[in-house]
């Protein structure tokens, strides 16, 4: 994703919001990229890019594995632990 963002000026486009979209298995991959932007940087000369928006359609998500990142992205400030796979 960092490479694609870095290439936008060379393609004559302005860099705007970074929106990652995926469906099914692609939604799961898009979620990984959106929620962990610095995890897959080996071999890329460009710095990691944080996404502005993420849209996942019918993806196989395991939100218990991403900690607080999911509720921060979803905007749920009062996260009931029982709904997020954690018990107090």
PDB file of N, CA and C in Angstrom:
ATOM      1  N   UNK A   1       0.824  -1.173   0.000  1.00  0.00           N
ATOM      2  CA  UNK A   1       0.000   0.000   0.000  1.00  0.00           C
ATOM      3  C   UNK A   1       0.881   1.254   0.000  1.00  0.00           C
ATOM      4  N   UNK A   2       1.990   1.223   0.754  1.00  0.00           N
ATOM      5  CA  UNK A   2       2.884   2.387   0.798  1.00  0.00           C
ATOM      6  C   UNK A   2       3.422   2.707  -0.588  1.00  0.00           C
ATOM      7  N   UNK A   3       3.725   1.680  -1.345  1.00  0.00           N
ATOM      8  CA  UNK A   3       4.235   1.890  -2.700  1.00  0.00           C
ATOM      9  C   UNK A   3       3.169   2.539  -3.586  1.00  0.00           C
ATOM     10  N   UNK A   4       1.940   2.090  -3.470  1.00  0.00           N
ATOM     11  CA  UNK A   4       0.854   2.672  -4.271  1.00  0.00           C
ATOM     12  C   UNK A   4       0.641   4.134  -3.931  1.00  0.00           C
ATOM     13  N   UNK A   5       0.683   4.468  -2.636  1.00  0.00           N
ATOM     14  CA  UNK A   5       0.506   5.867  -2.222  1.00  0.00           C
ATOM     15  C   UNK A   5       1.668   6.712  -2.734  1.00  0.00           C
ATOM     16  N   UNK A   6       2.886   6.174  -2.673  1.00  0.00           N
ATOM     17  CA  UNK A   6       4.060   6.909  -3.145  1.00  0.00           C
ATOM     18  C   UNK A   6       4.016   7.156  -4.648  1.00  0.00           C
ATOM     19  N   UNK A   7       3.354   6.283  -5.387  1.00  0.00           N
ATOM     20  CA  UNK A   7       3.292   6.415  -6.843  1.00  0.00           C
ATOM     21  C   UNK A   7       2.224   7.388  -7.338  1.00  0.00           C
ATOM     22  N   UNK A   8       1.297   7.805  -6.497  1.00  0.00           N
ATOM     23  CA  UNK A   8       0.207   8.662  -6.968  1.00  0.00           C
ATOM     24  C   UNK A   8       0.687   9.967  -7.590  1.00  0.00           C
ATOM     25  N   UNK A   9       1.677  10.676  -7.022  1.00  0.00           N
ATOM     26  CA  UNK A   9       2.134  11.906  -7.689  1.00  0.00           C
ATOM     27  C   UNK A   9       2.766  11.638  -9.053  1.00  0.00           C
ATOM     28  N   UNK A  10       3.457  10.521  -9.175  1.00  0.00           N
ATOM     29  CA  UNK A  10       4.087  10.185 -10.461  1.00  0.00           C
ATOM     30  C   UNK A  10       3.048   9.844 -11.516  1.00  0.00           C
ATOM     31  N   UNK A  11       1.862   9.452 -11.073  1.00  0.00           N
ATOM     32  CA  UNK A  11       0.776   9.126 -12.004  1.00  0.00           C
ATOM     33  C   UNK A  11      -0.107  10.338 -12.275  1.00  0.00           C
ATOM     34  N   UNK A  12       0.284  11.494 -11.723  1.00  0.00           N
ATOM     35  CA  UNK A  12      -0.480  12.707 -11.958  1.00  0.00           C
ATOM     36  C   UNK A  12      -1.688  12.867 -11.058  1.00  0.00           C
ATOM     37  N   UNK A  13      -1.736  12.091  -9.987  1.00  0.00           N
ATOM     38  CA  UNK A  13      -2.857  12.181  -9.050  1.00  0.00           C
ATOM     39  C   UNK A  13      -2.380  12.806  -7.752  1.00  0.00           C
ATOM     40  N   UNK A  14      -3.272  13.479  -7.087  1.00  0.00           N
ATOM     41  CA  UNK A  14      -2.961  14.015  -5.770  1.00  0.00           C
ATOM     42  C   UNK A  14      -3.217  12.965  -4.709  1.00  0.00           C
ATOM     43  N   UNK A  15      -2.426  13.001  -3.670  1.00  0.00           N
ATOM     44  CA  UNK A  15      -2.640  12.060  -2.565  1.00  0.00           C
ATOM     45  C   UNK A  15      -3.788  12.574  -1.707  1.00  0.00           C
ATOM     46  N   UNK A  16      -4.832  11.791  -1.623  1.00  0.00           N
ATOM     47  CA  UNK A  16      -5.990  12.146  -0.797  1.00  0.00           C
ATOM     48  C   UNK A  16      -6.127  11.132   0.319  1.00  0.00           C
ATOM     49  N   UNK A  17      -7.341  10.820   0.666  1.00  0.00           N
ATOM     50  CA  UNK A  17      -7.564   9.802   1.688  1.00  0.00           C
ATOM     51  C   UNK A  17      -7.145   8.432   1.171  1.00  0.00           C
ATOM     52  N   UNK A  18      -6.637   7.631   2.085  1.00  0.00           N
ATOM     53  CA  UNK A  18      -6.272   6.253   1.758  1.00  0.00           C
ATOM     54  C   UNK A  18      -7.407   5.371   2.252  1.00  0.00           C
ATOM     55  N   UNK A  19      -8.102   4.744   1.307  1.00  0.00           N
ATOM     56  CA  UNK A  19      -9.252   3.902   1.614  1.00  0.00           C
ATOM     57  C   UNK A  19      -8.949   2.492   1.127  1.00  0.00           C
ATOM     58  N   UNK A  20      -9.066   1.534   2.036  1.00  0.00           N
ATOM     59  CA  UNK A  20      -8.800   0.139   1.711  1.00  0.00           C
ATOM     60  C   UNK A  20     -10.137  -0.597   1.718  1.00  0.00           C
ATOM     61  N   UNK A  21     -10.431  -1.307   0.629  1.00  0.00           N
ATOM     62  CA  UNK A  21     -11.699  -2.013   0.478  1.00  0.00           C
ATOM     63  C   UNK A  21     -11.416  -3.454   0.092  1.00  0.00           C
ATOM     64  N   UNK A  22     -12.179  -4.380   0.647  1.00  0.00           N
ATOM     65  CA  UNK A  22     -12.023  -5.782   0.276  1.00  0.00           C
ATOM     66  C   UNK A  22     -13.311  -6.548   0.487  1.00  0.00           C
ATOM     67  N   UNK A  23     -13.429  -7.666  -0.209  1.00  0.00           N
ATOM     68  CA  UNK A  23     -14.592  -8.537  -0.084  1.00  0.00           C
ATOM     69  C   UNK A  23     -14.123  -9.951   0.209  1.00  0.00           C
ATOM     70  N   UNK A  24     -14.798 -10.620   1.119  1.00  0.00           N
ATOM     71  CA  UNK A  24     -14.515 -11.993   1.489  1.00  0.00           C
ATOM     72  C   UNK A  24     -13.081 -12.107   2.023  1.00  0.00           C
ATOM     73  N   UNK A  25     -12.271 -12.972   1.454  1.00  0.00           N
ATOM     74  CA  UNK A  25     -10.887 -13.102   1.918  1.00  0.00           C
ATOM     75  C   UNK A  25     -10.123 -11.793   1.712  1.00  0.00           C
ATOM     76  N   UNK A  26     -10.479 -11.057   0.679  1.00  0.00           N
ATOM     77  CA  UNK A  26      -9.867  -9.750   0.447  1.00  0.00           C
ATOM     78  C   UNK A  26     -10.208  -8.765   1.552  1.00  0.00           C
ATOM     79  N   UNK A  27     -11.376  -8.906   2.161  1.00  0.00           N
ATOM     80  CA  UNK A  27     -11.758  -8.051   3.285  1.00  0.00           C
ATOM     81  C   UNK A  27     -10.876  -8.343   4.490  1.00  0.00           C
ATOM     82  N   UNK A  28     -10.576  -9.611   4.707  1.00  0.00           N
ATOM     83  CA  UNK A  28      -9.695  -9.968   5.812  1.00  0.00           C
ATOM     84  C   UNK A  28      -8.292  -9.409   5.576  1.00  0.00           C
ATOM     85  N   UNK A  29      -7.794  -9.530   4.360  1.00  0.00           N
ATOM     86  CA  UNK A  29      -6.478  -8.974   4.035  1.00  0.00           C
ATOM     87  C   UNK A  29      -6.470  -7.456   4.153  1.00  0.00           C
ATOM     88  N   UNK A  30      -7.528  -6.815   3.699  1.00  0.00           N
ATOM     89  CA  UNK A  30      -7.640  -5.362   3.813  1.00  0.00           C
ATOM     90  C   UNK A  30      -7.672  -4.940   5.282  1.00  0.00           C
ATOM     91  N   UNK A  31      -8.339  -5.711   6.121  1.00  0.00           N
ATOM     92  CA  UNK A  31      -8.390  -5.403   7.555  1.00  0.00           C
ATOM     93  C   UNK A  31      -7.009  -5.485   8.177  1.00  0.00           C
ATOM     94  N   UNK A  32      -6.247  -6.494   7.815  1.00  0.00           N
ATOM     95  CA  UNK A  32      -4.883  -6.629   8.347  1.00  0.00           C
ATOM     96  C   UNK A  32      -4.039  -5.427   7.950  1.00  0.00           C
ATOM     97  N   UNK A  33      -4.122  -5.027   6.694  1.00  0.00           N
ATOM     98  CA  UNK A  33      -3.353  -3.875   6.208  1.00  0.00           C
ATOM     99  C   UNK A  33      -3.823  -2.594   6.899  1.00  0.00           C
ATOM    100  N   UNK A  34      -5.131  -2.423   7.040  1.00  0.00           N
ATOM    101  CA  UNK A  34      -5.669  -1.192   7.632  1.00  0.00           C
ATOM    102  C   UNK A  34      -5.359  -1.077   9.116  1.00  0.00           C
ATOM    103  N   UNK A  35      -5.418  -2.195   9.833  1.00  0.00           N
ATOM    104  CA  UNK A  35      -5.249  -2.144  11.285  1.00  0.00           C
ATOM    105  C   UNK A  35      -3.809  -2.293  11.744  1.00  0.00           C
ATOM    106  N   UNK A  36      -2.936  -2.776  10.889  1.00  0.00           N
ATOM    107  CA  UNK A  36      -1.529  -2.960  11.263  1.00  0.00           C
ATOM    108  C   UNK A  36      -0.621  -2.455  10.141  1.00  0.00           C
ATOM    109  N   UNK A  37      -0.615  -1.149   9.881  1.00  0.00           N
ATOM    110  CA  UNK A  37       0.090  -0.609   8.716  1.00  0.00           C
ATOM    111  C   UNK A  37       1.598  -0.849   8.702  1.00  0.00           C
ATOM    112  N   UNK A  38       2.231  -0.998   9.831  1.00  0.00           N
ATOM    113  CA  UNK A  38       3.678  -1.185   9.854  1.00  0.00           C
ATOM    114  C   UNK A  38       4.131  -2.626   9.884  1.00  0.00           C
ATOM    115  N   UNK A  39       3.203  -3.568   9.791  1.00  0.00           N
ATOM    116  CA  UNK A  39       3.561  -4.982   9.946  1.00  0.00           C
ATOM    117  C   UNK A  39       4.232  -5.611   8.738  1.00  0.00           C
ATOM    118  N   UNK A  40       3.973  -5.103   7.564  1.00  0.00           N
ATOM    119  CA  UNK A  40       4.479  -5.748   6.349  1.00  0.00           C
ATOM    120  C   UNK A  40       5.301  -4.767   5.525  1.00  0.00           C
ATOM    121  N   UNK A  41       6.401  -4.301   6.083  1.00  0.00           N
ATOM    122  CA  UNK A  41       7.187  -3.263   5.421  1.00  0.00           C
ATOM    123  C   UNK A  41       8.484  -3.769   4.823  1.00  0.00           C
ATOM    124  N   UNK A  42       8.849  -5.017   5.063  1.00  0.00           N
ATOM    125  CA  UNK A  42      10.123  -5.498   4.523  1.00  0.00           C
ATOM    126  C   UNK A  42      10.077  -5.501   2.999  1.00  0.00           C
ATOM    127  N   UNK A  43      11.137  -4.992   2.405  1.00  0.00           N
ATOM    128  CA  UNK A  43      11.220  -4.943   0.956  1.00  0.00           C
ATOM    129  C   UNK A  43      10.572  -3.716   0.334  1.00  0.00           C
ATOM    130  N   UNK A  44       9.995  -2.854   1.154  1.00  0.00           N
ATOM    131  CA  UNK A  44       9.360  -1.648   0.631  1.00  0.00           C
ATOM    132  C   UNK A  44      10.184  -0.436   1.054  1.00  0.00           C
ATOM    133  N   UNK A  45      10.592   0.351   0.085  1.00  0.00           N
ATOM    134  CA  UNK A  45      11.421   1.524   0.372  1.00  0.00           C
ATOM    135  C   UNK A  45      10.607   2.678   0.959  1.00  0.00           C
ATOM    136  N   UNK A  46       9.305   2.638   0.813  1.00  0.00           N
ATOM    137  CA  UNK A  46       8.453   3.731   1.278  1.00  0.00           C
ATOM    138  C   UNK A  46       7.996   3.488   2.717  1.00  0.00           C
ATOM    139  N   UNK A  47       7.769   4.556   3.486  1.00  0.00           N
ATOM    140  CA  UNK A  47       7.322   4.400   4.873  1.00  0.00           C
ATOM    141  C   UNK A  47       5.892   3.866   4.947  1.00  0.00           C
ATOM    142  N   UNK A  48       5.551   3.209   6.053  1.00  0.00           N
ATOM    143  CA  UNK A  48       4.179   2.704   6.210  1.00  0.00           C
ATOM    144  C   UNK A  48       3.154   3.834   6.102  1.00  0.00           C
ATOM    145  N   UNK A  49       1.979   3.488   5.620  1.00  0.00           N
ATOM    146  CA  UNK A  49       0.894   4.453   5.440  1.00  0.00           C
ATOM    147  C   UNK A  49      -0.302   4.003   6.274  1.00  0.00           C
ATOM    148  N   UNK A  50      -0.813   4.912   7.091  1.00  0.00           N
ATOM    149  CA  UNK A  50      -2.026   4.617   7.850  1.00  0.00           C
ATOM    150  C   UNK A  50      -3.236   4.880   6.963  1.00  0.00           C
ATOM    151  N   UNK A  51      -4.215   4.015   7.055  1.00  0.00           N
ATOM    152  CA  UNK A  51      -5.425   4.198   6.256  1.00  0.00           C
ATOM    153  C   UNK A  51      -6.354   5.199   6.916  1.00  0.00           C
ATOM    154  N   UNK A  52      -7.116   5.895   6.098  1.00  0.00           N
ATOM    155  CA  UNK A  52      -8.130   6.817   6.597  1.00  0.00           C
ATOM    156  C   UNK A  52      -9.474   6.121   6.752  1.00  0.00           C
ATOM    157  N   UNK A  53      -9.720   5.153   5.892  1.00  0.00           N
ATOM    158  CA  UNK A  53     -10.992   4.423   5.898  1.00  0.00           C
ATOM    159  C   UNK A  53     -10.717   2.961   5.546  1.00  0.00           C
ATOM    160  N   UNK A  54     -11.560   2.090   6.097  1.00  0.00           N
ATOM    161  CA  UNK A  54     -11.501   0.673   5.767  1.00  0.00           C
ATOM    162  C   UNK A  54     -12.927   0.185   5.558  1.00  0.00           C
ATOM    163  N   UNK A  55     -13.158  -0.520   4.458  1.00  0.00           N
ATOM    164  CA  UNK A  55     -14.461  -1.116   4.180  1.00  0.00           C
ATOM    165  C   UNK A  55     -14.231  -2.599   3.918  1.00  0.00           C
ATOM    166  N   UNK A  56     -14.797  -3.424   4.766  1.00  0.00           N
ATOM    167  CA  UNK A  56     -14.690  -4.864   4.597  1.00  0.00           C
ATOM    168  C   UNK A  56     -16.072  -5.463   4.431  1.00  0.00           C
ATOM    169  N   UNK A  57     -16.261  -6.198   3.358  1.00  0.00           N
ATOM    170  CA  UNK A  57     -17.563  -6.808   3.064  1.00  0.00           C
ATOM    171  C   UNK A  57     -17.460  -8.320   3.202  1.00  0.00           C
ATOM    172  N   UNK A  58     -18.232  -8.889   4.104  1.00  0.00           N
ATOM    173  CA  UNK A  58     -18.323 -10.341   4.268  1.00  0.00           C
ATOM    174  C   UNK A  58     -16.966 -10.984   4.507  1.00  0.00           C
ATOM    175  N   UNK A  59     -16.167 -10.370   5.355  1.00  0.00           N
ATOM    176  CA  UNK A  59     -14.839 -10.909   5.643  1.00  0.00           C
ATOM    177  C   UNK A  59     -14.846 -11.819   6.856  1.00  0.00           C
ATOM    178  N   UNK A  60     -13.914 -12.770   6.897  1.00  0.00           N
ATOM    179  CA  UNK A  60     -13.783 -13.654   8.070  1.00  0.00           C
ATOM    180  C   UNK A  60     -12.910 -12.979   9.129  1.00  0.00           C
ATOM    181  N   UNK A  61     -13.506 -12.186  10.008  1.00  0.00           N
ATOM    182  CA  UNK A  61     -12.749 -11.401  10.974  1.00  0.00           C
ATOM    183  C   UNK A  61     -12.682 -12.092  12.326  1.00  0.00           C
ATOM    184  N   UNK A  62     -11.550 -11.975  12.974  1.00  0.00           N
ATOM    185  CA  UNK A  62     -11.400 -12.415  14.360  1.00  0.00           C
ATOM    186  C   UNK A  62     -10.975 -11.193  15.150  1.00  0.00           C
ATOM    187  N   UNK A  63     -11.950 -10.405  15.614  1.00  0.00           N
ATOM    188  CA  UNK A  63     -11.652  -9.138  16.268  1.00  0.00           C
ATOM    189  C   UNK A  63     -10.994  -9.324  17.631  1.00  0.00           C
ATOM    190  N   UNK A  64     -11.027 -10.533  18.180  1.00  0.00           N
ATOM    191  CA  UNK A  64     -10.370 -10.747  19.462  1.00  0.00           C
ATOM    192  C   UNK A  64      -8.859 -10.701  19.326  1.00  0.00           C
ATOM    193  N   UNK A  65      -8.334 -10.799  18.121  1.00  0.00           N
ATOM    194  CA  UNK A  65      -6.895 -10.824  17.907  1.00  0.00           C
ATOM    195  C   UNK A  65      -6.282  -9.454  17.654  1.00  0.00           C
ATOM    196  N   UNK A  66      -7.076  -8.422  17.518  1.00  0.00           N
ATOM    197  CA  UNK A  66      -6.521  -7.108  17.200  1.00  0.00           C
ATOM    198  C   UNK A  66      -6.660  -6.109  18.343  1.00  0.00           C
ATOM    199  N   UNK A  67      -7.027  -6.575  19.525  1.00  0.00           N
ATOM    200  CA  UNK A  67      -7.066  -5.706  20.690  1.00  0.00           C
ATOM    201  C   UNK A  67      -7.961  -4.503  20.504  1.00  0.00           C
ATOM    202  N   UNK A  68      -7.492  -3.352  21.003  1.00  0.00           N
ATOM    203  CA  UNK A  68      -8.294  -2.144  20.980  1.00  0.00           C
ATOM    204  C   UNK A  68      -8.361  -1.453  19.638  1.00  0.00           C
ATOM    205  N   UNK A  69      -7.583  -1.913  18.653  1.00  0.00           N
ATOM    206  CA  UNK A  69      -7.575  -1.226  17.360  1.00  0.00           C
ATOM    207  C   UNK A  69      -8.940  -1.229  16.706  1.00  0.00           C
ATOM    208  N   UNK A  70      -9.666  -2.326  16.822  1.00  0.00           N
ATOM    209  CA  UNK A  70     -10.944  -2.433  16.129  1.00  0.00           C
ATOM    210  C   UNK A  70     -11.962  -1.463  16.691  1.00  0.00           C
ATOM    211  N   UNK A  71     -12.089  -1.392  17.999  1.00  0.00           N
ATOM    212  CA  UNK A  71     -13.110  -0.478  18.536  1.00  0.00           C
ATOM    213  C   UNK A  71     -12.716   0.971  18.329  1.00  0.00           C
ATOM    214  N   UNK A  72     -11.429   1.294  18.278  1.00  0.00           N
ATOM    215  CA  UNK A  72     -11.038   2.669  17.973  1.00  0.00           C
ATOM    216  C   UNK A  72     -11.403   3.016  16.533  1.00  0.00           C
ATOM    217  N   UNK A  73     -11.180   2.097  15.597  1.00  0.00           N
ATOM    218  CA  UNK A  73     -11.517   2.349  14.191  1.00  0.00           C
ATOM    219  C   UNK A  73     -13.026   2.412  13.992  1.00  0.00           C
ATOM    220  N   UNK A  74     -13.770   1.601  14.742  1.00  0.00           N
ATOM    221  CA  UNK A  74     -15.222   1.559  14.581  1.00  0.00           C
ATOM    222  C   UNK A  74     -15.917   2.697  15.322  1.00  0.00           C
ATOM    223  N   UNK A  75     -15.200   3.369  16.206  1.00  0.00           N
ATOM    224  CA  UNK A  75     -15.763   4.504  16.905  1.00  0.00           C
ATOM    225  C   UNK A  75     -16.550   4.162  18.152  1.00  0.00           C
ATOM    226  N   UNK A  76     -16.439   2.941  18.646  1.00  0.00           N
ATOM    227  CA  UNK A  76     -17.155   2.534  19.841  1.00  0.00           C
ATOM    228  C   UNK A  76     -16.310   2.884  21.064  1.00  0.00           C
ATOM    229  N   UNK A  77     -16.630   3.994  21.726  1.00  0.00           N
ATOM    230  CA  UNK A  77     -15.836   4.440  22.868  1.00  0.00           C
ATOM    231  C   UNK A  77     -16.155   3.649  24.126  1.00  0.00           C
ATOM    232  N   UNK A  78     -17.361   3.134  24.235  1.00  0.00           N
ATOM    233  CA  UNK A  78     -17.733   2.333  25.394  1.00  0.00           C
ATOM    234  C   UNK A  78     -17.835   0.884  24.957  1.00  0.00           C
ATOM    235  N   UNK A  79     -16.717   0.227  24.983  1.00  0.00           N
ATOM    236  CA  UNK A  79     -16.606  -1.133  24.466  1.00  0.00           C
ATOM    237  C   UNK A  79     -17.023  -2.146  25.524  1.00  0.00           C
ATOM    238  N   UNK A  80     -18.172  -2.788  25.384  1.00  0.00           N
ATOM    239  CA  UNK A  80     -18.536  -3.854  26.317  1.00  0.00           C
ATOM    240  C   UNK A  80     -17.654  -5.078  26.063  1.00  0.00           C
ATOM    241  N   UNK A  81     -16.887  -5.470  27.083  1.00  0.00           N
ATOM    242  CA  UNK A  81     -15.934  -6.559  26.903  1.00  0.00           C
ATOM    243  C   UNK A  81     -16.583  -7.852  26.438  1.00  0.00           C
ATOM    244  N   UNK A  82     -17.789  -8.144  26.915  1.00  0.00           N
ATOM    245  CA  UNK A  82     -18.421  -9.403  26.513  1.00  0.00           C
ATOM    246  C   UNK A  82     -18.755  -9.431  25.015  1.00  0.00           C
ATOM    247  N   UNK A  83     -18.884  -8.262  24.383  1.00  0.00           N
ATOM    248  CA  UNK A  83     -19.164  -8.230  22.957  1.00  0.00           C
ATOM    249  C   UNK A  83     -17.902  -8.344  22.113  1.00  0.00           C
ATOM    250  N   UNK A  84     -16.729  -8.160  22.732  1.00  0.00           N
ATOM    251  CA  UNK A  84     -15.464  -8.173  21.993  1.00  0.00           C
ATOM    252  C   UNK A  84     -14.636  -9.412  22.336  1.00  0.00           C
ATOM    253  N   UNK A  85     -15.259 -10.421  22.921  1.00  0.00           N
ATOM    254  CA  UNK A  85     -14.554 -11.676  23.157  1.00  0.00           C
ATOM    255  C   UNK A  85     -13.674 -11.677  24.386  1.00  0.00           C
ATOM    256  N   UNK A  86     -13.849 -10.719  25.272  1.00  0.00           N
ATOM    257  CA  UNK A  86     -13.031 -10.671  26.483  1.00  0.00           C
ATOM    258  C   UNK A  86     -13.964 -10.602  27.682  1.00  0.00           C
ATOM    259  N   UNK A  87     -13.588 -11.294  28.711  1.00  0.00           N
ATOM    260  CA  UNK A  87     -14.379 -11.214  29.931  1.00  0.00           C
ATOM    261  C   UNK A  87     -13.572 -10.511  31.006  1.00  0.00           C
ATOM    262  N   UNK A  88     -14.260  -9.810  31.874  1.00  0.00           N
ATOM    263  CA  UNK A  88     -13.568  -9.069  32.943  1.00  0.00           C
ATOM    264  C   UNK A  88     -13.530  -9.887  34.208  1.00  0.00           C
TER     265      UNK A  88
END
